[in-house]
């Protein structure tokens, strides 16, 4: 009985992989968009963490940097 469960698990795993690949191929733009969003979220999260651990600066200093002064 263990072998049939294992064989069923393997079949299910293979079908699941095939379905995921098919969805990814048919919706490349969506998958790409989701990956970009995830990477942006990771980058923003890291920037927030860095900001929390860095020295504070004044608003004027920030605008000075942004304006290129």
N, C-alpha and C. Protein backbone atom coordinates (compact mmCIF):
# COMPACT_ATOMS: atom_id res chain seq x y z
N UNK A 1 0.82 -1.19 0.00
CA UNK A 1 0.00 0.00 0.00
C UNK A 1 0.87 1.26 0.00
N UNK A 2 1.98 1.26 0.68
CA UNK A 2 2.87 2.41 0.73
C UNK A 2 3.36 2.78 -0.66
N UNK A 3 3.64 1.77 -1.49
CA UNK A 3 4.11 2.04 -2.85
C UNK A 3 3.06 2.75 -3.69
N UNK A 4 1.79 2.37 -3.56
CA UNK A 4 0.74 3.02 -4.35
C UNK A 4 0.54 4.46 -3.90
N UNK A 5 0.65 4.72 -2.62
CA UNK A 5 0.53 6.10 -2.13
C UNK A 5 1.70 6.91 -2.65
N UNK A 6 2.87 6.35 -2.60
CA UNK A 6 4.05 7.04 -3.08
C UNK A 6 3.95 7.30 -4.58
N UNK A 7 3.45 6.32 -5.33
CA UNK A 7 3.28 6.48 -6.77
C UNK A 7 2.24 7.56 -7.05
N UNK A 8 1.15 7.56 -6.28
CA UNK A 8 0.12 8.59 -6.43
C UNK A 8 0.68 9.98 -6.11
N UNK A 9 1.51 10.05 -5.06
CA UNK A 9 2.13 11.32 -4.69
C UNK A 9 3.04 11.82 -5.81
N UNK A 10 3.78 10.91 -6.41
CA UNK A 10 4.68 11.29 -7.51
C UNK A 10 3.89 11.78 -8.72
N UNK A 11 2.79 11.10 -9.03
CA UNK A 11 1.95 11.52 -10.15
C UNK A 11 1.36 12.90 -9.88
N UNK A 12 0.86 13.09 -8.66
CA UNK A 12 0.27 14.37 -8.30
C UNK A 12 1.32 15.48 -8.37
N UNK A 13 2.51 15.21 -7.90
CA UNK A 13 3.60 16.18 -7.94
C UNK A 13 3.93 16.55 -9.39
N UNK A 14 4.01 15.54 -10.25
CA UNK A 14 4.31 15.79 -11.66
C UNK A 14 3.20 16.60 -12.33
N UNK A 15 1.95 16.28 -12.03
CA UNK A 15 0.83 17.04 -12.60
C UNK A 15 0.84 18.49 -12.11
N UNK A 16 1.15 18.66 -10.84
CA UNK A 16 1.19 20.00 -10.26
C UNK A 16 2.29 20.83 -10.93
N UNK A 17 3.46 20.24 -11.11
CA UNK A 17 4.57 20.93 -11.77
C UNK A 17 4.18 21.31 -13.20
N UNK A 18 3.57 20.37 -13.91
CA UNK A 18 3.16 20.62 -15.28
C UNK A 18 2.15 21.76 -15.35
N UNK A 19 1.20 21.78 -14.42
CA UNK A 19 0.20 22.84 -14.39
C UNK A 19 0.83 24.20 -14.12
N UNK A 20 1.78 24.24 -13.21
CA UNK A 20 2.45 25.51 -12.89
C UNK A 20 3.23 26.01 -14.10
N UNK A 21 3.95 25.12 -14.76
CA UNK A 21 4.71 25.52 -15.94
C UNK A 21 3.77 26.05 -17.02
N UNK A 22 2.66 25.38 -17.21
CA UNK A 22 1.68 25.80 -18.21
C UNK A 22 1.12 27.19 -17.89
N UNK A 23 0.78 27.42 -16.65
CA UNK A 23 0.26 28.73 -16.24
C UNK A 23 1.32 29.80 -16.46
N UNK A 24 2.56 29.50 -16.12
CA UNK A 24 3.64 30.46 -16.29
C UNK A 24 3.87 30.78 -17.76
N UNK A 25 3.81 29.76 -18.61
CA UNK A 25 4.01 29.98 -20.04
C UNK A 25 2.87 30.79 -20.64
N UNK A 26 1.65 30.52 -20.22
CA UNK A 26 0.49 31.21 -20.78
C UNK A 26 0.33 32.62 -20.24
N UNK A 27 0.90 32.90 -19.08
CA UNK A 27 0.74 34.21 -18.43
C UNK A 27 2.09 34.82 -18.10
N UNK A 28 2.99 34.83 -19.08
CA UNK A 28 4.35 35.34 -18.84
C UNK A 28 4.35 36.78 -18.34
N UNK A 29 3.49 37.60 -18.90
CA UNK A 29 3.45 39.01 -18.50
C UNK A 29 3.03 39.14 -17.03
N UNK A 30 2.04 38.36 -16.62
CA UNK A 30 1.58 38.39 -15.23
C UNK A 30 2.67 37.89 -14.29
N UNK A 31 3.31 36.80 -14.65
CA UNK A 31 4.38 36.24 -13.81
C UNK A 31 5.52 37.24 -13.70
N UNK A 32 5.87 37.85 -14.82
CA UNK A 32 6.94 38.84 -14.81
C UNK A 32 6.57 40.02 -13.91
N UNK A 33 5.35 40.48 -14.01
CA UNK A 33 4.88 41.59 -13.19
C UNK A 33 4.92 41.24 -11.70
N UNK A 34 4.50 40.02 -11.38
CA UNK A 34 4.53 39.59 -9.98
C UNK A 34 5.95 39.52 -9.44
N UNK A 35 6.88 39.04 -10.27
CA UNK A 35 8.28 38.96 -9.85
C UNK A 35 8.87 40.35 -9.63
N UNK A 36 8.56 41.27 -10.53
CA UNK A 36 9.05 42.64 -10.39
C UNK A 36 8.52 43.26 -9.10
N UNK A 37 7.23 43.08 -8.85
CA UNK A 37 6.64 43.62 -7.62
C UNK A 37 7.29 43.02 -6.38
N UNK A 38 7.54 41.71 -6.41
CA UNK A 38 8.17 41.06 -5.26
C UNK A 38 9.57 41.60 -5.03
N UNK A 39 10.33 41.79 -6.10
CA UNK A 39 11.69 42.34 -5.96
C UNK A 39 11.66 43.77 -5.46
N UNK A 40 10.70 44.56 -5.95
CA UNK A 40 10.57 45.93 -5.45
C UNK A 40 10.22 45.95 -3.96
N UNK A 41 9.34 45.06 -3.55
CA UNK A 41 8.97 44.97 -2.13
C UNK A 41 10.17 44.59 -1.27
N UNK A 42 10.99 43.66 -1.76
CA UNK A 42 12.19 43.25 -1.03
C UNK A 42 13.14 44.44 -0.91
N UNK A 43 13.33 45.16 -2.03
CA UNK A 43 14.22 46.33 -2.02
C UNK A 43 13.72 47.40 -1.07
N UNK A 44 12.42 47.67 -1.09
CA UNK A 44 11.86 48.67 -0.19
C UNK A 44 12.02 48.25 1.27
N UNK A 45 11.79 46.97 1.54
CA UNK A 45 11.94 46.46 2.90
C UNK A 45 13.38 46.63 3.39
N UNK A 46 14.32 46.32 2.53
CA UNK A 46 15.74 46.48 2.92
C UNK A 46 16.09 47.95 3.13
N UNK A 47 15.55 48.82 2.27
CA UNK A 47 15.82 50.25 2.42
C UNK A 47 15.25 50.77 3.74
N UNK A 48 14.06 50.31 4.10
CA UNK A 48 13.46 50.71 5.37
C UNK A 48 14.31 50.24 6.54
N UNK A 49 14.77 49.00 6.48
CA UNK A 49 15.63 48.47 7.55
C UNK A 49 16.91 49.28 7.67
N UNK A 50 17.52 49.61 6.52
CA UNK A 50 18.74 50.42 6.55
C UNK A 50 18.46 51.79 7.16
N UNK A 51 17.32 52.37 6.77
CA UNK A 51 16.96 53.69 7.29
C UNK A 51 16.73 53.69 8.78
N UNK A 52 16.15 52.60 9.28
CA UNK A 52 15.92 52.51 10.72
C UNK A 52 17.21 52.42 11.51
N UNK A 53 18.26 51.92 10.87
CA UNK A 53 19.54 51.73 11.56
C UNK A 53 20.56 52.82 11.23
N UNK A 54 20.14 53.87 10.52
CA UNK A 54 21.07 54.93 10.15
C UNK A 54 20.76 56.21 10.90
N UNK A 55 21.66 57.14 10.77
CA UNK A 55 21.52 58.42 11.45
C UNK A 55 20.44 59.26 10.78
N UNK A 56 19.69 60.00 11.54
CA UNK A 56 18.64 60.87 11.00
C UNK A 56 19.27 62.11 10.39
N UNK A 57 18.61 62.64 9.36
CA UNK A 57 19.05 63.89 8.74
C UNK A 57 17.85 64.81 8.62
N UNK A 58 18.13 66.09 8.44
CA UNK A 58 17.04 67.06 8.36
C UNK A 58 16.39 67.04 6.98
N UNK A 59 15.20 67.58 6.93
CA UNK A 59 14.46 67.67 5.68
C UNK A 59 15.23 68.53 4.67
N UNK A 60 15.83 69.60 5.16
CA UNK A 60 16.60 70.50 4.29
C UNK A 60 17.77 69.76 3.64
N UNK A 61 18.44 68.91 4.41
CA UNK A 61 19.57 68.16 3.85
C UNK A 61 19.10 67.22 2.74
N UNK A 62 17.95 66.62 2.93
CA UNK A 62 17.40 65.71 1.91
C UNK A 62 17.09 66.49 0.64
N UNK A 63 16.42 67.62 0.75
CA UNK A 63 16.08 68.41 -0.42
C UNK A 63 17.32 68.99 -1.11
N UNK A 64 18.34 69.27 -0.33
CA UNK A 64 19.59 69.74 -0.90
C UNK A 64 20.20 68.67 -1.81
N UNK A 65 20.18 67.43 -1.34
CA UNK A 65 20.71 66.31 -2.12
C UNK A 65 19.86 66.09 -3.37
N UNK A 66 18.55 66.13 -3.21
CA UNK A 66 17.64 65.90 -4.33
C UNK A 66 17.74 66.98 -5.40
N UNK A 67 18.02 68.21 -4.97
CA UNK A 67 18.10 69.30 -5.94
C UNK A 67 19.49 69.40 -6.57
N UNK A 68 20.44 68.64 -6.08
CA UNK A 68 21.77 68.61 -6.66
C UNK A 68 22.69 69.70 -6.18
N UNK A 69 22.32 70.32 -5.09
CA UNK A 69 23.17 71.40 -4.53
C UNK A 69 24.41 70.84 -3.88
